[in-house]
PDB file of N, CA and C in Angstrom:
ATOM      1  N   UNK A   1     100.160  77.150 106.825  1.00  0.00           N
ATOM      2  CA  UNK A   1     101.592  77.256 107.035  1.00  0.00           C
ATOM      3  C   UNK A   1     102.146  78.501 106.322  1.00  0.00           C
ATOM      4  N   UNK A   2     101.742  78.733 105.064  1.00  0.00           N
ATOM      5  CA  UNK A   2     102.220  79.902 104.327  1.00  0.00           C
ATOM      6  C   UNK A   2     101.766  81.191 105.002  1.00  0.00           C
ATOM      7  N   UNK A   3     100.530  81.208 105.501  1.00  0.00           N
ATOM      8  CA  UNK A   3     100.018  82.405 106.161  1.00  0.00           C
ATOM      9  C   UNK A   3     100.859  82.735 107.391  1.00  0.00           C
ATOM     10  N   UNK A   4     101.233  81.702 108.127  1.00  0.00           N
ATOM     11  CA  UNK A   4     102.038  81.895 109.332  1.00  0.00           C
ATOM     12  C   UNK A   4     103.422  82.440 108.984  1.00  0.00           C
ATOM     13  N   UNK A   5     104.057  81.851 107.964  1.00  0.00           N
ATOM     14  CA  UNK A   5     105.384  82.308 107.550  1.00  0.00           C
ATOM     15  C   UNK A   5     105.333  83.728 106.987  1.00  0.00           C
ATOM     16  N   UNK A   6     104.307  84.034 106.208  1.00  0.00           N
ATOM     17  CA  UNK A   6     104.196  85.393 105.674  1.00  0.00           C
ATOM     18  C   UNK A   6     103.946  86.393 106.797  1.00  0.00           C
ATOM     19  N   UNK A   7     103.238  85.994 107.834  1.00  0.00           N
ATOM     20  CA  UNK A   7     103.020  86.872 108.990  1.00  0.00           C
ATOM     21  C   UNK A   7     104.324  87.218 109.682  1.00  0.00           C
ATOM     22  N   UNK A   8     105.201  86.223 109.862  1.00  0.00           N
ATOM     23  CA  UNK A   8     106.513  86.486 110.462  1.00  0.00           C
ATOM     24  C   UNK A   8     107.343  87.405 109.566  1.00  0.00           C
ATOM     25  N   UNK A   9     107.312  87.148 108.270  1.00  0.00           N
ATOM     26  CA  UNK A   9     108.072  87.975 107.336  1.00  0.00           C
ATOM     27  C   UNK A   9     107.582  89.408 107.307  1.00  0.00           C
ATOM     28  N   UNK A  10     106.270  89.595 107.255  1.00  0.00           N
ATOM     29  CA  UNK A  10     105.707  90.952 107.241  1.00  0.00           C
ATOM     30  C   UNK A  10     105.989  91.689 108.549  1.00  0.00           C
ATOM     31  N   UNK A  11     105.855  90.983 109.656  1.00  0.00           N
ATOM     32  CA  UNK A  11     106.118  91.586 110.969  1.00  0.00           C
ATOM     33  C   UNK A  11     107.576  92.037 111.058  1.00  0.00           C
ATOM     34  N   UNK A  12     108.502  91.182 110.641  1.00  0.00           N
ATOM     35  CA  UNK A  12     109.924  91.531 110.686  1.00  0.00           C
ATOM     36  C   UNK A  12     110.236  92.658 109.695  1.00  0.00           C
ATOM     37  N   UNK A  13     109.664  92.579 108.498  1.00  0.00           N
ATOM     38  CA  UNK A  13     109.928  93.603 107.493  1.00  0.00           C
ATOM     39  C   UNK A  13     109.414  94.969 107.894  1.00  0.00           C
ATOM     40  N   UNK A  14     108.192  95.037 108.382  1.00  0.00           N
ATOM     41  CA  UNK A  14     107.644  96.328 108.800  1.00  0.00           C
ATOM     42  C   UNK A  14     108.359  96.844 110.055  1.00  0.00           C
ATOM     43  N   UNK A  15     108.793  95.928 110.920  1.00  0.00           N
ATOM     44  CA  UNK A  15     109.585  96.343 112.076  1.00  0.00           C
ATOM     45  C   UNK A  15     110.907  96.958 111.659  1.00  0.00           C
ATOM     46  N   UNK A  16     111.566  96.341 110.667  1.00  0.00           N
ATOM     47  CA  UNK A  16     112.825  96.884 110.157  1.00  0.00           C
ATOM     48  C   UNK A  16     112.602  98.236 109.482  1.00  0.00           C
ATOM     49  N   UNK A  17     111.527  98.352 108.703  1.00  0.00           N
ATOM     50  CA  UNK A  17     111.234  99.631 108.050  1.00  0.00           C
ATOM     51  C   UNK A  17     110.931 100.719 109.079  1.00  0.00           C
ATOM     52  N   UNK A  18     110.253 100.363 110.173  1.00  0.00           N
ATOM     53  CA  UNK A  18     109.995 101.343 111.234  1.00  0.00           C
ATOM     54  C   UNK A  18     111.298 101.785 111.882  1.00  0.00           C
ATOM     55  N   UNK A  19     112.193 100.847 112.138  1.00  0.00           N
ATOM     56  CA  UNK A  19     113.494 101.191 112.718  1.00  0.00           C
ATOM     57  C   UNK A  19     114.291 102.084 111.774  1.00  0.00           C
ATOM     58  N   UNK A  20     114.274 101.741 110.484  1.00  0.00           N
ATOM     59  CA  UNK A  20     114.999 102.527 109.493  1.00  0.00           C
ATOM     60  C   UNK A  20     114.425 103.936 109.391  1.00  0.00           C
ATOM     61  N   UNK A  21     113.105 104.062 109.415  1.00  0.00           N
ATOM     62  CA  UNK A  21     112.474 105.383 109.370  1.00  0.00           C
ATOM     63  C   UNK A  21     112.800 106.176 110.633  1.00  0.00           C
ATOM     64  N   UNK A  22     112.911 105.479 111.769  1.00  0.00           N
ATOM     65  CA  UNK A  22     113.295 106.138 113.011  1.00  0.00           C
ATOM     66  C   UNK A  22     114.714 106.690 112.907  1.00  0.00           C
ATOM     67  N   UNK A  23     115.606 105.930 112.300  1.00  0.00           N
ATOM     68  CA  UNK A  23     116.987 106.382 112.103  1.00  0.00           C
ATOM     69  C   UNK A  23     117.046 107.593 111.175  1.00  0.00           C
ATOM     70  N   UNK A  24     116.138 107.646 110.203  1.00  0.00           N
ATOM     71  CA  UNK A  24     116.077 108.781 109.268  1.00  0.00           C
ATOM     72  C   UNK A  24     115.296 109.956 109.847  1.00  0.00           C
ATOM     73  N   UNK A  25     114.735 109.789 111.047  1.00  0.00           N
ATOM     74  CA  UNK A  25     113.935 110.819 111.733  1.00  0.00           C
ATOM     75  C   UNK A  25     112.701 111.209 110.933  1.00  0.00           C
ATOM     76  N   UNK A  26     112.035 110.211 110.363  1.00  0.00           N
ATOM     77  CA  UNK A  26     110.810 110.414 109.588  1.00  0.00           C
ATOM     78  C   UNK A  26     109.643 109.873 110.423  1.00  0.00           C
ATOM     79  N   UNK A  27     109.037 110.732 111.230  1.00  0.00           N
ATOM     80  CA  UNK A  27     108.058 110.278 112.214  1.00  0.00           C
ATOM     81  C   UNK A  27     106.784 109.722 111.581  1.00  0.00           C
ATOM     82  N   UNK A  28     106.373 110.245 110.433  1.00  0.00           N
ATOM     83  CA  UNK A  28     105.166 109.721 109.789  1.00  0.00           C
ATOM     84  C   UNK A  28     105.383 108.275 109.341  1.00  0.00           C
ATOM     85  N   UNK A  29     106.529 107.998 108.727  1.00  0.00           N
ATOM     86  CA  UNK A  29     106.822 106.639 108.302  1.00  0.00           C
ATOM     87  C   UNK A  29     106.935 105.697 109.495  1.00  0.00           C
ATOM     88  N   UNK A  30     107.512 106.169 110.583  1.00  0.00           N
ATOM     89  CA  UNK A  30     107.622 105.332 111.787  1.00  0.00           C
ATOM     90  C   UNK A  30     106.230 104.916 112.244  1.00  0.00           C
ATOM     91  N   UNK A  31     105.323 105.872 112.313  1.00  0.00           N
ATOM     92  CA  UNK A  31     103.964 105.567 112.773  1.00  0.00           C
ATOM     93  C   UNK A  31     103.266 104.580 111.841  1.00  0.00           C
ATOM     94  N   UNK A  32     103.403 104.796 110.543  1.00  0.00           N
ATOM     95  CA  UNK A  32     102.759 103.912 109.570  1.00  0.00           C
ATOM     96  C   UNK A  32     103.293 102.491 109.699  1.00  0.00           C
ATOM     97  N   UNK A  33     104.620 102.348 109.757  1.00  0.00           N
ATOM     98  CA  UNK A  33     105.213 101.013 109.792  1.00  0.00           C
ATOM     99  C   UNK A  33     104.981 100.305 111.123  1.00  0.00           C
ATOM    100  N   UNK A  34     104.903 101.048 112.222  1.00  0.00           N
ATOM    101  CA  UNK A  34     104.588 100.419 113.510  1.00  0.00           C
ATOM    102  C   UNK A  34     103.154  99.894 113.500  1.00  0.00           C
ATOM    103  N   UNK A  35     102.231 100.684 112.968  1.00  0.00           N
ATOM    104  CA  UNK A  35     100.830 100.228 112.880  1.00  0.00           C
ATOM    105  C   UNK A  35     100.733  98.985 111.992  1.00  0.00           C
ATOM    106  N   UNK A  36     101.451  98.988 110.868  1.00  0.00           N
ATOM    107  CA  UNK A  36     101.421  97.822 109.985  1.00  0.00           C
ATOM    108  C   UNK A  36     102.075  96.614 110.633  1.00  0.00           C
ATOM    109  N   UNK A  37     103.156  96.812 111.383  1.00  0.00           N
ATOM    110  CA  UNK A  37     103.789  95.699 112.087  1.00  0.00           C
ATOM    111  C   UNK A  37     102.835  95.116 113.127  1.00  0.00           C
ATOM    112  N   UNK A  38     102.120  95.969 113.834  1.00  0.00           N
ATOM    113  CA  UNK A  38     101.151  95.473 114.820  1.00  0.00           C
ATOM    114  C   UNK A  38      99.962  94.794 114.147  1.00  0.00           C
ATOM    115  N   UNK A  39      99.564  95.294 113.000  1.00  0.00           N
ATOM    116  CA  UNK A  39      98.443  94.714 112.270  1.00  0.00           C
ATOM    117  C   UNK A  39      98.778  93.314 111.770  1.00  0.00           C
ATOM    118  N   UNK A  40     100.002  93.124 111.288  1.00  0.00           N
ATOM    119  CA  UNK A  40     100.429  91.826 110.770  1.00  0.00           C
ATOM    120  C   UNK A  40     101.181  91.001 111.806  1.00  0.00           C
ATOM    121  N   UNK A  41     101.005  91.313 113.075  1.00  0.00           N
ATOM    122  CA  UNK A  41     101.661  90.607 114.165  1.00  0.00           C
ATOM    123  C   UNK A  41     101.220  89.143 114.195  1.00  0.00           C
ATOM    124  N   UNK A  42     102.153  88.185 114.037  1.00  0.00           N
ATOM    125  CA  UNK A  42     101.757  86.774 114.028  1.00  0.00           C
ATOM    126  C   UNK A  42     101.611  86.179 115.421  1.00  0.00           C
ATOM    127  N   UNK A  43     102.053  86.873 116.450  1.00  0.00           N
ATOM    128  CA  UNK A  43     102.037  86.324 117.792  1.00  0.00           C
ATOM    129  C   UNK A  43     100.685  86.486 118.479  1.00  0.00           C
ATOM    130  N   UNK A  44     100.058  87.617 118.271  1.00  0.00           N
ATOM    131  CA  UNK A  44      98.740  87.883 118.858  1.00  0.00           C
ATOM    132  C   UNK A  44      97.805  88.260 117.716  1.00  0.00           C
ATOM    133  N   UNK A  45      96.891  87.374 117.402  1.00  0.00           N
ATOM    134  CA  UNK A  45      95.973  87.632 116.299  1.00  0.00           C
ATOM    135  C   UNK A  45      94.908  88.650 116.664  1.00  0.00           C
ATOM    136  N   UNK A  46      94.636  89.550 115.756  1.00  0.00           N
ATOM    137  CA  UNK A  46      93.581  90.533 115.967  1.00  0.00           C
ATOM    138  C   UNK A  46      92.261  89.974 115.438  1.00  0.00           C
ATOM    139  N   UNK A  47      91.180  90.165 116.179  1.00  0.00           N
ATOM    140  CA  UNK A  47      89.887  89.639 115.717  1.00  0.00           C
ATOM    141  C   UNK A  47      89.276  90.524 114.626  1.00  0.00           C
ATOM    142  N   UNK A  48      89.774  90.358 113.404  1.00  0.00           N
ATOM    143  CA  UNK A  48      89.299  91.155 112.273  1.00  0.00           C
ATOM    144  C   UNK A  48      88.579  90.215 111.308  1.00  0.00           C
ATOM    145  N   UNK A  49      87.411  90.637 110.852  1.00  0.00           N
ATOM    146  CA  UNK A  49      86.646  89.851 109.894  1.00  0.00           C
ATOM    147  C   UNK A  49      87.450  89.670 108.604  1.00  0.00           C
ATOM    148  N   UNK A  50      87.268  88.542 107.928  1.00  0.00           N
ATOM    149  CA  UNK A  50      88.056  88.229 106.731  1.00  0.00           C
ATOM    150  C   UNK A  50      87.905  89.278 105.636  1.00  0.00           C
ATOM    151  N   UNK A  51      86.719  89.796 105.422  1.00  0.00           N
ATOM    152  CA  UNK A  51      86.512  90.801 104.379  1.00  0.00           C
ATOM    153  C   UNK A  51      87.296  92.076 104.695  1.00  0.00           C
ATOM    154  N   UNK A  52      87.280  92.494 105.944  1.00  0.00           N
ATOM    155  CA  UNK A  52      88.035  93.687 106.335  1.00  0.00           C
ATOM    156  C   UNK A  52      89.530  93.433 106.175  1.00  0.00           C
ATOM    157  N   UNK A  53      89.990  92.230 106.511  1.00  0.00           N
ATOM    158  CA  UNK A  53      91.403  91.891 106.354  1.00  0.00           C
ATOM    159  C   UNK A  53      91.826  91.930 104.883  1.00  0.00           C
ATOM    160  N   UNK A  54      90.964  91.457 104.001  1.00  0.00           N
ATOM    161  CA  UNK A  54      91.266  91.501 102.569  1.00  0.00           C
ATOM    162  C   UNK A  54      91.343  92.941 102.080  1.00  0.00           C
ATOM    163  N   UNK A  55      90.443  93.786 102.532  1.00  0.00           N
ATOM    164  CA  UNK A  55      90.459  95.200 102.144  1.00  0.00           C
ATOM    165  C   UNK A  55      91.735  95.865 102.645  1.00  0.00           C
ATOM    166  N   UNK A  56      92.132  95.579 103.879  1.00  0.00           N
ATOM    167  CA  UNK A  56      93.371  96.131 104.430  1.00  0.00           C
ATOM    168  C   UNK A  56      94.570  95.649 103.615  1.00  0.00           C
ATOM    169  N   UNK A  57      94.592  94.374 103.268  1.00  0.00           N
ATOM    170  CA  UNK A  57      95.699  93.832 102.471  1.00  0.00           C
ATOM    171  C   UNK A  57      95.790  94.515 101.114  1.00  0.00           C
ATOM    172  N   UNK A  58      94.661  94.746 100.467  1.00  0.00           N
ATOM    173  CA  UNK A  58      94.657  95.411  99.155  1.00  0.00           C
ATOM    174  C   UNK A  58      95.173  96.844  99.286  1.00  0.00           C
ATOM    175  N   UNK A  59      94.747  97.564 100.327  1.00  0.00           N
ATOM    176  CA  UNK A  59      95.216  98.937 100.544  1.00  0.00           C
ATOM    177  C   UNK A  59      96.715  98.960 100.791  1.00  0.00           C
ATOM    178  N   UNK A  60      97.226  98.016 101.584  1.00  0.00           N
ATOM    179  CA  UNK A  60      98.659  97.963 101.874  1.00  0.00           C
ATOM    180  C   UNK A  60      99.446  97.639 100.603  1.00  0.00           C
ATOM    181  N   UNK A  61      98.957  96.701  99.799  1.00  0.00           N
ATOM    182  CA  UNK A  61      99.642  96.348  98.557  1.00  0.00           C
ATOM    183  C   UNK A  61      99.681  97.539  97.602  1.00  0.00           C
ATOM    184  N   UNK A  62      98.554  98.241  97.451  1.00  0.00           N
ATOM    185  CA  UNK A  62      98.521  99.419  96.576  1.00  0.00           C
ATOM    186  C   UNK A  62      99.466 100.496  97.108  1.00  0.00           C
ATOM    187  N   UNK A  63      99.472 100.701  98.418  1.00  0.00           N
ATOM    188  CA  UNK A  63     100.377 101.692  99.008  1.00  0.00           C
ATOM    189  C   UNK A  63     101.834 101.343  98.794  1.00  0.00           C
ATOM    190  N   UNK A  64     102.175 100.063  98.906  1.00  0.00           N
ATOM    191  CA  UNK A  64     103.568  99.656  98.690  1.00  0.00           C
ATOM    192  C   UNK A  64     103.966  99.824  97.227  1.00  0.00           C
ATOM    193  N   UNK A  65     103.073  99.498  96.302  1.00  0.00           N
ATOM    194  CA  UNK A  65     103.371  99.670  94.884  1.00  0.00           C
ATOM    195  C   UNK A  65     103.545 101.149  94.548  1.00  0.00           C
ATOM    196  N   UNK A  66     102.661 102.001  95.065  1.00  0.00           N
ATOM    197  CA  UNK A  66     102.794 103.438  94.817  1.00  0.00           C
ATOM    198  C   UNK A  66     104.074 103.989  95.429  1.00  0.00           C
ATOM    199  N   UNK A  67     104.438 103.490  96.595  1.00  0.00           N
ATOM    200  CA  UNK A  67     105.672 103.926  97.236  1.00  0.00           C
ATOM    201  C   UNK A  67     106.881 103.556  96.385  1.00  0.00           C
ATOM    202  N   UNK A  68     106.886 102.378  95.819  1.00  0.00           N
ATOM    203  CA  UNK A  68     107.992 101.955  94.961  1.00  0.00           C
ATOM    204  C   UNK A  68     108.016 102.779  93.682  1.00  0.00           C
ATOM    205  N   UNK A  69     106.871 103.020  93.077  1.00  0.00           N
ATOM    206  CA  UNK A  69     106.826 103.742  91.812  1.00  0.00           C
ATOM    207  C   UNK A  69     107.218 105.206  91.949  1.00  0.00           C
ATOM    208  N   UNK A  70     106.828 105.852  93.046  1.00  0.00           N
ATOM    209  CA  UNK A  70     107.048 107.278  93.188  1.00  0.00           C
ATOM    210  C   UNK A  70     108.161 107.632  94.166  1.00  0.00           C
ATOM    211  N   UNK A  71     108.946 106.672  94.599  1.00  0.00           N
ATOM    212  CA  UNK A  71     110.031 106.971  95.523  1.00  0.00           C
ATOM    213  C   UNK A  71     111.215 107.562  94.778  1.00  0.00           C
ATOM    214  N   UNK A  72     112.058 108.206  95.526  1.00  0.00           N
ATOM    215  CA  UNK A  72     113.283 108.741  94.942  1.00  0.00           C
ATOM    216  C   UNK A  72     114.206 107.571  94.627  1.00  0.00           C
ATOM    217  N   UNK A  73     115.271 107.838  93.875  1.00  0.00           N
ATOM    218  CA  UNK A  73     116.173 106.742  93.502  1.00  0.00           C
ATOM    219  C   UNK A  73     116.777 106.070  94.723  1.00  0.00           C
ATOM    220  N   UNK A  74     117.353 106.840  95.617  1.00  0.00           N
ATOM    221  CA  UNK A  74     117.927 106.279  96.827  1.00  0.00           C
ATOM    222  C   UNK A  74     117.662 107.235  97.982  1.00  0.00           C
ATOM    223  N   UNK A  75     116.550 107.082  98.674  1.00  0.00           N
ATOM    224  CA  UNK A  75     116.216 108.034  99.741  1.00  0.00           C
ATOM    225  C   UNK A  75     117.118 107.909 100.955  1.00  0.00           C
ATOM    226  N   UNK A  76     117.931 106.847 101.049  1.00  0.00           N
ATOM    227  CA  UNK A  76     118.762 106.623 102.228  1.00  0.00           C
ATOM    228  C   UNK A  76     120.195 107.075 102.023  1.00  0.00           C
ATOM    229  N   UNK A  77     120.481 107.699 100.898  1.00  0.00           N
ATOM    230  CA  UNK A  77     121.849 108.016 100.534  1.00  0.00           C
ATOM    231  C   UNK A  77     122.495 109.037 101.465  1.00  0.00           C
ATOM    232  N   UNK A  78     121.800 110.110 101.823  1.00  0.00           N
ATOM    233  CA  UNK A  78     122.433 111.222 102.522  1.00  0.00           C
ATOM    234  C   UNK A  78     122.080 111.337 104.002  1.00  0.00           C
ATOM    235  N   UNK A  79     121.297 110.437 104.561  1.00  0.00           N
ATOM    236  CA  UNK A  79     120.855 110.661 105.931  1.00  0.00           C
ATOM    237  C   UNK A  79     121.954 110.388 106.956  1.00  0.00           C
ATOM    238  N   UNK A  80     123.027 109.669 106.602  1.00  0.00           N
ATOM    239  CA  UNK A  80     124.110 109.429 107.549  1.00  0.00           C
ATOM    240  C   UNK A  80     125.276 110.375 107.343  1.00  0.00           C
ATOM    241  N   UNK A  81     125.313 111.086 106.225  1.00  0.00           N
ATOM    242  CA  UNK A  81     126.419 111.993 105.947  1.00  0.00           C
ATOM    243  C   UNK A  81     126.212 113.317 106.663  1.00  0.00           C
ATOM    244  N   UNK A  82     127.303 113.858 107.117  1.00  0.00           N
ATOM    245  CA  UNK A  82     127.255 115.160 107.806  1.00  0.00           C
ATOM    246  C   UNK A  82     127.324 116.266 106.762  1.00  0.00           C
ATOM    247  N   UNK A  83     126.709 117.381 107.081  1.00  0.00           N
ATOM    248  CA  UNK A  83     126.749 118.545 106.199  1.00  0.00           C
ATOM    249  C   UNK A  83     128.060 119.285 106.439  1.00  0.00           C
ATOM    250  N   UNK A  84     128.896 119.402 105.414  1.00  0.00           N
ATOM    251  CA  UNK A  84     130.220 119.986 105.553  1.00  0.00           C
ATOM    252  C   UNK A  84     130.252 121.466 105.179  1.00  0.00           C
ATOM    253  N   UNK A  85     129.352 122.230 105.655  1.00  0.00           N
ATOM    254  CA  UNK A  85     129.330 123.670 105.337  1.00  0.00           C
ATOM    255  C   UNK A  85     130.040 124.454 106.379  1.00  0.00           C
TER     256      UNK A  85
END
């Protein structure tokens, strides 16, 4: 049950992050988050061996921690503001 709920949460979260990256016009982030959303898709399971799935999960967790540690304070602050020059 927890695995199923976490799959829905991850799918929705990565989908939202992909949409947000699309709004910021950051194509690399869009690609990464779309791949992760498809990987954690709870509707259609991918036939991935458990060991490979654990390795993927560890890589994603490390990537998310590094992203949080090395991100700017607020990367979304200026992407909607117009340049008044």
